[in-house]
C-alpha cells in the first residue's frame, strides 16, 4: 500500500465518517474545540509570528510528551532567542498545558489533520526551518510534505517500542519512504534505535541521545529530612509511597503491616498524588487503626509509636527522598496513569520499586530492571519480598542506590546532544548569540 493508496482509503474513511462526525459535533461541543485549526485554519497570532520568519515547529501530542520536551524547548529558546518557536498538540489538555506551563512557546496550535491538502496548506503558511516531533508521532502526509519542501525533520527523545515496530512493519509500503526521508532520529535508548532501523530508517540517520525527561529533573534537597527530624522521626527506616492513587495505598499498608513484623520501627510516608484524596486516605488510615500524623500538623514531636506520615501538602515530596530507604513510585499498580517519575529518587541514590504499568517511563524502567536497580512489583506480597532485603541490608541498599543513581546520571545530557545534532543537520540554524 503506497502513500497514494493510503490517501484514497483515508478519503473514503472521511466520507463514510462524515455524517457521524457532524452528529458528534452537534451533540458534543467539546469535539468542536480546535476544529478549525485541525482543518488548517491557523490562529491569527501564529500567522503574525511566522510572517517573514522561518520558525521552529515542535509537535508534542499529549501532556506527557509536552512536559517531557520542556528542557529541550528551554534550550532552543536560550540558544535561538530570535527564532519563533511554535508548539502543536493533539489534545485539549495538552493545549491548555502548553499555554499555562510552556512560556518558551511563542505560539500554540492544534496539529492539522494528516490530509495532503491540509498538510501542504499549513506548511505553506508556517514555513518552518525545522520540524521536531516526539515519540512515534509519524504522520505520513505531513512528513512527505516536509520532505518535498526540503524542511529538516528531527525525531527527538524518540521512543520506538516493539509494538510500534510491528505496526510500522505491517504498514511498511506507506511508511518506509517516509521514514527514509527523516533528517535525523535522536533516540532514547539503543534498543529504540535498533527497532527503528529494522523498519527501514537509514542507520546513518539514527543516533542514541537519551531521554529529555532525565534532563528536566531537579533533586529535592534535604528539607524533608529536617521536617522528619522536627517530628522526631528521622532515625527510622523510611519507605515512601510516592504519588499514590486509589487502591495503591491499601497495597502499601498491607505490605508495611507485614514488614513491621521484621522492622518494628519502619515508617511509611504516604504521598497521595491528588490533593482531593488527602481526606479519603486519612479515612483509610483511621478505619485500619494506623497511628499516623499529618505533615500539616508536624511542627511538634510525633508520638513515638507513629507508623505513618501522611504528606498532605504540595511541592515537598522530592525533598523527602534523601531520607528514604526505599521508594515505591505510584500510578503504576493500576491501569491509566502510566506511572510517575522514578528519576528523582534514583538521582539521590535511593532504590525504587514500581508496578507493571509504567509506560510514561518505559525506557528508564527497562534500564533500571536490566541492572536490577529497580524492582517491579504486583501486589502486597511482591512488595514485601522486594522491600525486606533492601530495608534490612544497609550494604545492599547502598550498592543498589549507587547503581540506580549512576544509571540515571549516564542518561543526562540528552538536550545538549540533541542540540548538537540540530546544528549538524541544519547549518542555517545559527545561534542568535554566542
Protein backbone atom coordinates (compact mmCIF):
# COMPACT_ATOMS: atom_id res chain seq x y z
CA UNK A 1 0.00 0.00 0.00
CA UNK A 2 1.64 3.21 -1.21
CA UNK A 3 1.05 6.71 0.15
CA UNK A 4 -1.40 7.31 -2.71
CA UNK A 5 -3.44 4.24 -1.75
CA UNK A 6 -3.30 5.35 1.90
CA UNK A 7 -4.80 8.71 0.90
CA UNK A 8 -7.53 7.08 -1.18
CA UNK A 9 -8.51 4.95 1.82
CA UNK A 10 -8.26 7.98 4.11
CA UNK A 11 -10.58 9.95 1.81
CA UNK A 12 -13.07 7.09 1.75
CA UNK A 13 -12.96 6.87 5.53
CA UNK A 14 -13.59 10.61 5.86
CA UNK A 15 -16.60 10.40 3.51
CA UNK A 16 -18.07 7.43 5.36
CA UNK A 17 -17.50 9.01 8.77
CA UNK A 18 -18.77 12.47 7.77
CA UNK A 19 -22.43 12.06 8.90
CA UNK A 20 -21.34 10.61 12.23
CA UNK A 21 -18.74 13.36 12.68
CA UNK A 22 -21.36 16.05 12.07
CA UNK A 23 -23.68 14.45 14.61
CA UNK A 24 -20.88 14.23 17.16
CA UNK A 25 -20.01 17.90 16.63
CA UNK A 26 -23.64 18.88 17.22
CA UNK A 27 -24.15 16.72 20.29
CA UNK A 28 -20.68 17.05 21.86
CA UNK A 29 -19.50 20.69 21.87
CA UNK A 30 -16.07 19.67 23.19
CA UNK A 31 -15.35 18.00 19.84
CA UNK A 32 -15.57 21.42 18.21
CA UNK A 33 -12.63 22.76 20.22
CA UNK A 34 -9.77 23.48 17.85
CA UNK A 35 -11.64 22.08 14.85
CA UNK A 36 -10.74 24.98 12.58
CA UNK A 37 -7.06 24.60 13.42
CA UNK A 38 -7.20 20.85 12.79
CA UNK A 39 -8.59 21.63 9.33
CA UNK A 40 -5.73 24.04 8.61
CA UNK A 41 -7.10 27.39 9.75
CA UNK A 42 -4.23 28.74 11.82
CA UNK A 43 -4.76 31.27 14.64
CA UNK A 44 -4.01 34.87 13.72
CA UNK A 45 -1.14 35.10 16.22
CA UNK A 46 0.60 32.15 14.52
CA UNK A 47 0.27 33.83 11.13
CA UNK A 48 1.72 37.08 12.52
CA UNK A 49 4.60 35.26 14.19
CA UNK A 50 5.61 33.40 11.07
CA UNK A 51 5.32 36.27 8.62
CA UNK A 52 8.80 36.87 7.18
CA UNK A 53 10.44 34.35 9.53
CA UNK A 54 11.41 30.67 9.49
CA UNK A 55 10.27 29.32 12.88
CA UNK A 56 10.99 26.12 14.71
CA UNK A 57 7.97 23.82 14.96
CA UNK A 58 7.79 21.15 17.64
CA UNK A 59 4.93 18.66 17.79
CA UNK A 60 4.19 17.01 21.16
CA UNK A 61 0.75 15.37 21.04
CA UNK A 62 -0.21 14.93 24.70
CA UNK A 63 0.57 16.38 28.12
CA UNK A 64 3.21 13.75 28.92
CA UNK A 65 5.21 14.31 25.74
CA UNK A 66 4.80 18.07 26.04
CA UNK A 67 6.16 18.28 29.59
CA UNK A 68 8.99 15.91 28.70
CA UNK A 69 10.14 18.33 25.98
CA UNK A 70 10.30 21.34 28.34
CA UNK A 71 14.10 21.10 28.84
CA UNK A 72 14.56 20.98 25.06
CA UNK A 73 12.18 23.88 24.47
CA UNK A 74 14.06 25.95 27.06
CA UNK A 75 17.39 25.14 25.46
CA UNK A 76 16.11 26.02 21.98
CA UNK A 77 14.77 29.35 23.20
CA UNK A 78 18.01 30.14 25.00
CA UNK A 79 20.19 29.17 22.03
CA UNK A 80 17.96 30.78 19.38
CA UNK A 81 16.10 33.61 21.15
CA UNK A 82 15.19 35.45 17.93
CA UNK A 83 13.64 32.42 16.22
CA UNK A 84 9.90 31.95 16.82
CA UNK A 85 9.14 28.63 18.49
CA UNK A 86 5.78 27.01 17.68
CA UNK A 87 4.28 24.05 19.51
CA UNK A 88 1.47 21.88 18.20
CA UNK A 89 -0.55 19.36 20.22
CA UNK A 90 -3.36 16.87 19.72
CA UNK A 91 -5.44 17.07 22.92
CA UNK A 92 -7.27 19.90 24.65
CA UNK A 93 -5.47 19.22 27.94
CA UNK A 94 -2.11 19.42 26.18
CA UNK A 95 -3.18 22.70 24.55
CA UNK A 96 -4.10 24.22 27.92
CA UNK A 97 -0.91 22.90 29.50
CA UNK A 98 1.19 24.42 26.72
CA UNK A 99 -0.46 27.80 27.23
CA UNK A 100 -0.05 27.72 31.01
CA UNK A 101 3.25 25.92 31.53
CA UNK A 102 5.38 26.43 28.41
CA UNK A 103 6.44 30.08 28.33
CA UNK A 104 9.13 29.15 25.80
CA UNK A 105 6.45 28.57 23.15
CA UNK A 106 5.71 31.71 21.14
CA UNK A 107 2.60 30.12 19.67
CA UNK A 108 0.47 27.04 20.35
CA UNK A 109 -2.00 25.38 17.97
CA UNK A 110 -3.68 22.06 17.26
CA UNK A 111 -1.89 19.73 14.86
CA UNK A 112 -3.63 19.66 11.47
CA UNK A 113 -5.44 16.68 10.01
CA UNK A 114 -2.95 14.45 8.18
CA UNK A 115 -4.52 15.00 4.78
CA UNK A 116 -2.46 16.14 1.75
CA UNK A 117 -4.27 19.43 1.08
CA UNK A 118 -4.33 20.38 4.76
CA UNK A 119 -0.68 19.45 5.39
CA UNK A 120 0.56 21.37 2.37
CA UNK A 121 -1.54 24.44 3.22
CA UNK A 122 -0.31 24.60 6.82
CA UNK A 123 3.32 24.17 5.80
CA UNK A 124 2.98 26.93 3.23
CA UNK A 125 1.61 29.31 5.87
CA UNK A 126 4.14 28.44 8.59
CA UNK A 127 7.26 27.79 6.51
CA UNK A 128 9.32 26.23 9.34
CA UNK A 129 13.06 25.76 9.02
CA UNK A 130 12.93 22.65 11.23
CA UNK A 131 10.11 20.32 12.28
CA UNK A 132 10.70 18.43 15.54
CA UNK A 133 8.43 15.58 16.59
CA UNK A 134 8.42 13.28 19.62
CA UNK A 135 7.85 9.61 20.40
CA UNK A 136 6.38 7.93 17.29
CA UNK A 137 4.19 10.78 16.01
CA UNK A 138 4.87 9.91 12.37
CA UNK A 139 2.12 11.29 10.15
CA UNK A 140 2.77 10.15 6.54
CA UNK A 141 1.34 13.13 4.66
CA UNK A 142 2.92 15.75 6.89
CA UNK A 143 6.34 14.09 6.75
CA UNK A 144 6.05 13.62 2.98
CA UNK A 145 5.11 17.30 2.55
CA UNK A 146 8.06 18.34 4.72
CA UNK A 147 10.40 16.23 2.61
CA UNK A 148 9.09 17.76 -0.65
CA UNK A 149 9.75 21.24 0.73
CA UNK A 150 13.23 20.14 1.91
CA UNK A 151 12.45 21.07 5.52
CA UNK A 152 14.62 19.31 8.09
CA UNK A 153 12.67 16.81 10.22
CA UNK A 154 14.06 15.55 13.50
CA UNK A 155 12.60 12.90 15.78
CA UNK A 156 13.70 13.96 19.29
CA UNK A 157 13.75 11.93 22.51
CA UNK A 158 12.48 9.17 20.26
CA UNK A 159 10.89 6.04 21.61
CA UNK A 160 10.09 3.07 19.37
CA UNK A 161 8.53 0.10 21.14
CA UNK A 162 8.22 -3.49 19.96
CA UNK A 163 4.54 -2.81 19.37
CA UNK A 164 5.36 0.21 17.19
CA UNK A 165 7.90 -1.87 15.28
CA UNK A 166 5.24 -4.49 14.48
CA UNK A 167 2.70 -1.82 13.49
CA UNK A 168 5.04 0.12 11.23
CA UNK A 169 6.41 -3.11 9.82
CA UNK A 170 2.93 -4.14 8.66
CA UNK A 171 2.47 -0.73 7.02
CA UNK A 172 5.98 -0.56 5.58
CA UNK A 173 4.87 0.26 1.98
CA UNK A 174 3.42 3.52 3.32
CA UNK A 175 5.96 4.35 6.00
CA UNK A 176 9.28 3.14 4.58
CA UNK A 177 9.66 6.04 2.08
CA UNK A 178 8.52 8.50 4.76
CA UNK A 179 10.89 7.07 7.37
CA UNK A 180 13.77 7.28 4.92
CA UNK A 181 13.12 10.98 4.44
CA UNK A 182 13.56 11.90 8.12
CA UNK A 183 16.67 14.02 8.54
CA UNK A 184 17.75 12.59 11.91
CA UNK A 185 16.33 10.35 14.63
CA UNK A 186 17.53 11.07 18.17
CA UNK A 187 16.51 8.02 20.18
CA UNK A 188 16.23 7.41 23.91
CA UNK A 189 17.97 4.01 24.00
CA UNK A 190 19.98 1.65 21.80
CA UNK A 191 17.01 -0.71 21.71
CA UNK A 192 14.75 2.06 20.38
CA UNK A 193 17.35 2.84 17.72
CA UNK A 194 17.69 -0.78 16.58
CA UNK A 195 13.93 -1.24 16.28
CA UNK A 196 13.64 1.93 14.18
CA UNK A 197 16.45 0.79 11.89
CA UNK A 198 14.69 -2.57 11.50
CA UNK A 199 11.64 -0.88 9.90
CA UNK A 200 13.66 0.97 7.28
CA UNK A 201 15.43 4.04 8.68
CA UNK A 202 18.98 4.52 7.43
CA UNK A 203 21.45 3.62 10.19
CA UNK A 204 23.42 6.80 9.48
CA UNK A 205 20.40 8.90 10.43
CA UNK A 206 19.86 7.26 13.81
CA UNK A 207 21.70 8.22 16.99
CA UNK A 208 21.14 7.50 20.68
CA UNK A 209 20.94 10.79 22.55
CA UNK A 210 18.95 9.90 25.69
CA UNK A 211 15.70 10.91 27.32
CA UNK A 212 14.66 14.56 27.82
CA UNK A 213 12.81 13.56 31.00
CA UNK A 214 16.10 12.91 32.77
CA UNK A 215 17.39 16.40 31.96
CA UNK A 216 14.27 18.07 33.32
CA UNK A 217 14.65 16.91 36.93
CA UNK A 218 15.70 18.93 39.96
CA UNK A 219 16.82 16.96 43.01
CA UNK A 220 14.67 17.82 46.00
CA UNK A 221 17.32 18.75 48.58
CA UNK A 222 17.32 18.00 52.32
CA UNK A 223 14.29 19.89 53.62
CA UNK A 224 12.34 16.68 54.13
CA UNK A 225 14.96 15.26 56.45
CA UNK A 226 14.71 18.40 58.60
CA UNK A 227 10.91 18.07 58.73
CA UNK A 228 11.20 14.47 59.91
CA UNK A 229 13.81 15.48 62.49
CA UNK A 230 11.49 18.16 63.85
CA UNK A 231 8.84 15.47 64.28
CA UNK A 232 11.35 13.10 65.88
CA UNK A 233 11.05 10.59 63.03
CA UNK A 234 14.42 10.98 61.31
CA UNK A 235 16.19 8.00 62.88
CA UNK A 236 13.86 5.33 61.47
CA UNK A 237 13.90 3.29 58.23
CA UNK A 238 11.62 5.10 55.79
CA UNK A 239 9.52 3.64 52.99
CA UNK A 240 7.91 6.28 50.75
CA UNK A 241 4.74 5.68 48.77
CA UNK A 242 5.16 8.43 46.18
CA UNK A 243 2.28 9.90 44.15
CA UNK A 244 -0.08 7.07 45.01
CA UNK A 245 -3.53 6.52 43.51
CA UNK A 246 -6.64 4.85 44.82
CA UNK A 247 -6.10 1.20 45.85
CA UNK A 248 -2.30 1.60 45.90
CA UNK A 249 -2.36 2.88 49.50
CA UNK A 250 -4.14 -0.28 50.62
CA UNK A 251 -1.47 -2.45 48.99
CA UNK A 252 1.28 -0.41 50.63
CA UNK A 253 -0.35 -0.57 54.04
CA UNK A 254 -0.80 -4.33 53.77
CA UNK A 255 2.88 -4.78 52.88
CA UNK A 256 4.03 -2.42 55.65
CA UNK A 257 1.93 -4.32 58.20
CA UNK A 258 3.84 -7.44 57.27
CA UNK A 259 7.22 -5.69 57.09
CA UNK A 260 6.83 -4.27 60.58
CA UNK A 261 7.00 -7.83 61.88
CA UNK A 262 10.71 -7.74 60.99
CA UNK A 263 11.16 -3.96 61.20
CA UNK A 264 9.01 -2.68 64.08
CA UNK A 265 10.34 0.87 63.66
CA UNK A 266 9.57 1.09 59.93
CA UNK A 267 7.90 4.39 58.99
CA UNK A 268 5.69 4.74 55.92
CA UNK A 269 5.42 8.15 54.27
CA UNK A 270 2.28 8.28 52.16
CA UNK A 271 2.05 10.98 49.48
CA UNK A 272 -1.24 10.73 47.55
CA UNK A 273 -0.97 12.09 44.02
CA UNK A 274 -4.07 14.29 44.14
CA UNK A 275 -4.86 16.72 46.99
CA UNK A 276 -8.57 15.94 46.82
CA UNK A 277 -7.72 12.43 48.05
CA UNK A 278 -5.94 13.53 51.24
CA UNK A 279 -9.10 13.18 53.32
CA UNK A 280 -10.04 9.76 51.90
CA UNK A 281 -6.54 8.40 52.56
CA UNK A 282 -6.74 9.73 56.11
CA UNK A 283 -10.10 7.99 56.50
CA UNK A 284 -8.48 4.76 55.32
CA UNK A 285 -5.78 5.10 57.97
CA UNK A 286 -8.43 5.66 60.62
CA UNK A 287 -10.50 2.64 59.52
CA UNK A 288 -7.46 0.39 59.73
CA UNK A 289 -6.33 1.81 63.11
CA UNK A 290 -2.98 3.13 61.92
CA UNK A 291 -1.11 5.51 64.19
CA UNK A 292 -0.33 8.44 61.93
CA UNK A 293 0.48 12.12 61.81
CA UNK A 294 -0.06 14.62 59.02
CA UNK A 295 2.59 16.89 57.55
CA UNK A 296 0.27 19.84 58.09
CA UNK A 297 0.40 19.07 61.84
CA UNK A 298 4.04 18.01 62.20
CA UNK A 299 5.52 21.11 63.84
CA UNK A 300 5.63 19.30 67.20
CA UNK A 301 7.25 15.93 68.00
CA UNK A 302 5.21 12.92 66.87
CA UNK A 303 4.19 10.15 69.27
CA UNK A 304 6.93 7.51 69.40
CA UNK A 305 4.55 4.83 68.12
CA UNK A 306 3.77 6.72 64.87
CA UNK A 307 3.56 4.31 61.94
CA UNK A 308 2.53 6.54 59.03
CA UNK A 309 3.45 10.09 57.99
CA UNK A 310 0.74 11.45 55.69
CA UNK A 311 2.14 14.08 53.35
CA UNK A 312 -0.93 16.30 52.92
CA UNK A 313 0.93 19.25 51.37
CA UNK A 314 2.06 20.07 47.85
CA UNK A 315 5.55 20.51 46.42
CA UNK A 316 7.52 18.81 49.22
CA UNK A 317 7.65 15.16 48.18
CA UNK A 318 11.02 15.29 46.40
CA UNK A 319 12.71 16.77 49.47
CA UNK A 320 11.96 13.58 51.45
CA UNK A 321 13.69 11.21 49.01
CA UNK A 322 17.14 11.79 50.51
CA UNK A 323 15.86 10.42 53.84
CA UNK A 324 14.26 7.30 52.32
CA UNK A 325 15.46 3.72 52.39
CA UNK A 326 13.13 2.69 49.56
CA UNK A 327 10.61 4.47 47.32
CA UNK A 328 7.53 2.95 45.72
CA UNK A 329 6.52 5.03 42.69
CA UNK A 330 2.75 5.27 42.37
CA UNK A 331 0.40 5.39 39.42
CA UNK A 332 1.97 2.09 38.36
CA UNK A 333 -0.12 -0.63 40.04
CA UNK A 334 -3.27 0.45 38.21
CA UNK A 335 -4.04 0.97 34.56
CA UNK A 336 -4.36 4.52 33.34
CA UNK A 337 -1.83 6.90 34.89
CA UNK A 338 1.16 5.16 33.30
CA UNK A 339 3.43 5.54 36.33
CA UNK A 340 5.04 8.63 37.82
CA UNK A 341 8.69 9.63 37.86
CA UNK A 342 11.28 7.41 39.47
CA UNK A 343 14.05 9.73 38.31
CA UNK A 344 14.12 12.00 41.39
CA UNK A 345 14.60 9.22 43.99
CA UNK A 346 17.10 7.45 41.73
CA UNK A 347 19.19 10.62 41.40
CA UNK A 348 19.64 10.82 45.18
CA UNK A 349 20.69 7.17 45.29
CA UNK A 350 17.53 5.54 46.65
CA UNK A 351 16.35 2.11 45.40
CA UNK A 352 12.95 2.22 43.69
CA UNK A 353 10.10 -0.16 43.03
CA UNK A 354 7.05 0.23 40.82
CA UNK A 355 4.12 -1.65 39.39
CA UNK A 356 3.78 -3.08 35.86
CA UNK A 357 2.03 -0.04 34.32
CA UNK A 358 4.89 2.37 33.67
CA UNK A 359 4.56 3.35 30.00
CA UNK A 360 5.33 7.02 30.82
CA UNK A 361 8.87 5.98 31.73
CA UNK A 362 9.22 2.72 29.82
CA UNK A 363 12.83 3.17 28.66
CA UNK A 364 14.00 4.24 32.13
CA UNK A 365 12.15 1.37 33.79
CA UNK A 366 13.62 -1.11 31.31
CA UNK A 367 17.13 0.09 32.12
CA UNK A 368 16.57 0.02 35.88
CA UNK A 369 15.21 -3.51 35.65
CA UNK A 370 18.10 -4.58 33.44
CA UNK A 371 20.67 -3.53 36.02
CA UNK A 372 18.48 -4.85 38.85
CA UNK A 373 18.33 -1.42 40.39
CA UNK A 374 14.56 -1.10 40.15
CA UNK A 375 12.09 -3.81 41.12
CA UNK A 376 8.71 -4.41 39.52
CA UNK A 377 6.02 -5.46 41.99
CA UNK A 378 2.42 -6.56 41.52
CA UNK A 379 0.79 -6.76 44.94
CA UNK A 380 1.45 -6.52 48.67
CA UNK A 381 3.26 -9.86 48.77
CA UNK A 382 5.70 -8.99 45.96
CA UNK A 383 6.27 -5.58 47.55
CA UNK A 384 7.13 -7.28 50.84
CA UNK A 385 9.59 -9.61 49.08
CA UNK A 386 11.24 -6.72 47.25
CA UNK A 387 11.39 -4.38 50.23
CA UNK A 388 12.58 -6.67 53.04
CA UNK A 389 16.15 -7.28 51.82
CA UNK A 390 16.65 -3.61 50.91
CA UNK A 391 15.30 -2.37 54.25
CA UNK A 392 17.29 -4.81 56.36
CA UNK A 393 20.62 -4.89 54.47
CA UNK A 394 22.31 -1.47 54.51
CA UNK A 395 25.13 -2.63 52.23
CA UNK A 396 22.72 -3.95 49.60
CA UNK A 397 20.66 -0.80 49.85
CA UNK A 398 23.71 1.43 49.37
CA UNK A 399 25.02 -0.55 46.41
CA UNK A 400 21.61 -0.63 44.72
CA UNK A 401 21.10 3.09 45.30
CA UNK A 402 24.52 3.92 43.85
CA UNK A 403 23.73 1.78 40.83
CA UNK A 404 20.41 3.48 40.04
CA UNK A 405 21.96 6.92 40.51
CA UNK A 406 24.81 6.12 38.11
CA UNK A 407 22.37 4.71 35.57
CA UNK A 408 20.22 7.84 35.55
CA UNK A 409 23.22 10.20 35.55
CA UNK A 410 24.57 8.45 32.46
CA UNK A 411 21.37 9.37 30.61
CA UNK A 412 21.66 13.07 31.40
CA UNK A 413 22.77 15.43 28.65
CA UNK A 414 20.12 14.39 26.12
CA UNK A 415 19.21 18.01 25.37
CA UNK A 416 22.77 19.09 24.57
CA UNK A 417 23.40 16.00 22.45
CA UNK A 418 20.20 16.69 20.51
CA UNK A 419 21.10 20.36 20.01
CA UNK A 420 24.45 19.36 18.55
CA UNK A 421 22.63 17.20 16.01
CA UNK A 422 20.29 20.09 15.18
CA UNK A 423 23.33 22.24 14.33
CA UNK A 424 24.95 19.39 12.42
CA UNK A 425 21.98 18.76 10.15
CA UNK A 426 20.61 22.28 9.96
CA UNK A 427 23.52 24.62 9.16
CA UNK A 428 21.08 27.52 8.72
CA UNK A 429 20.19 27.25 12.43
CA UNK A 430 22.93 29.59 13.56
CA UNK A 431 22.53 30.71 17.18
CA UNK A 432 21.43 34.31 17.59
CA UNK A 433 24.21 34.96 20.09
CA UNK A 434 27.46 33.26 21.15
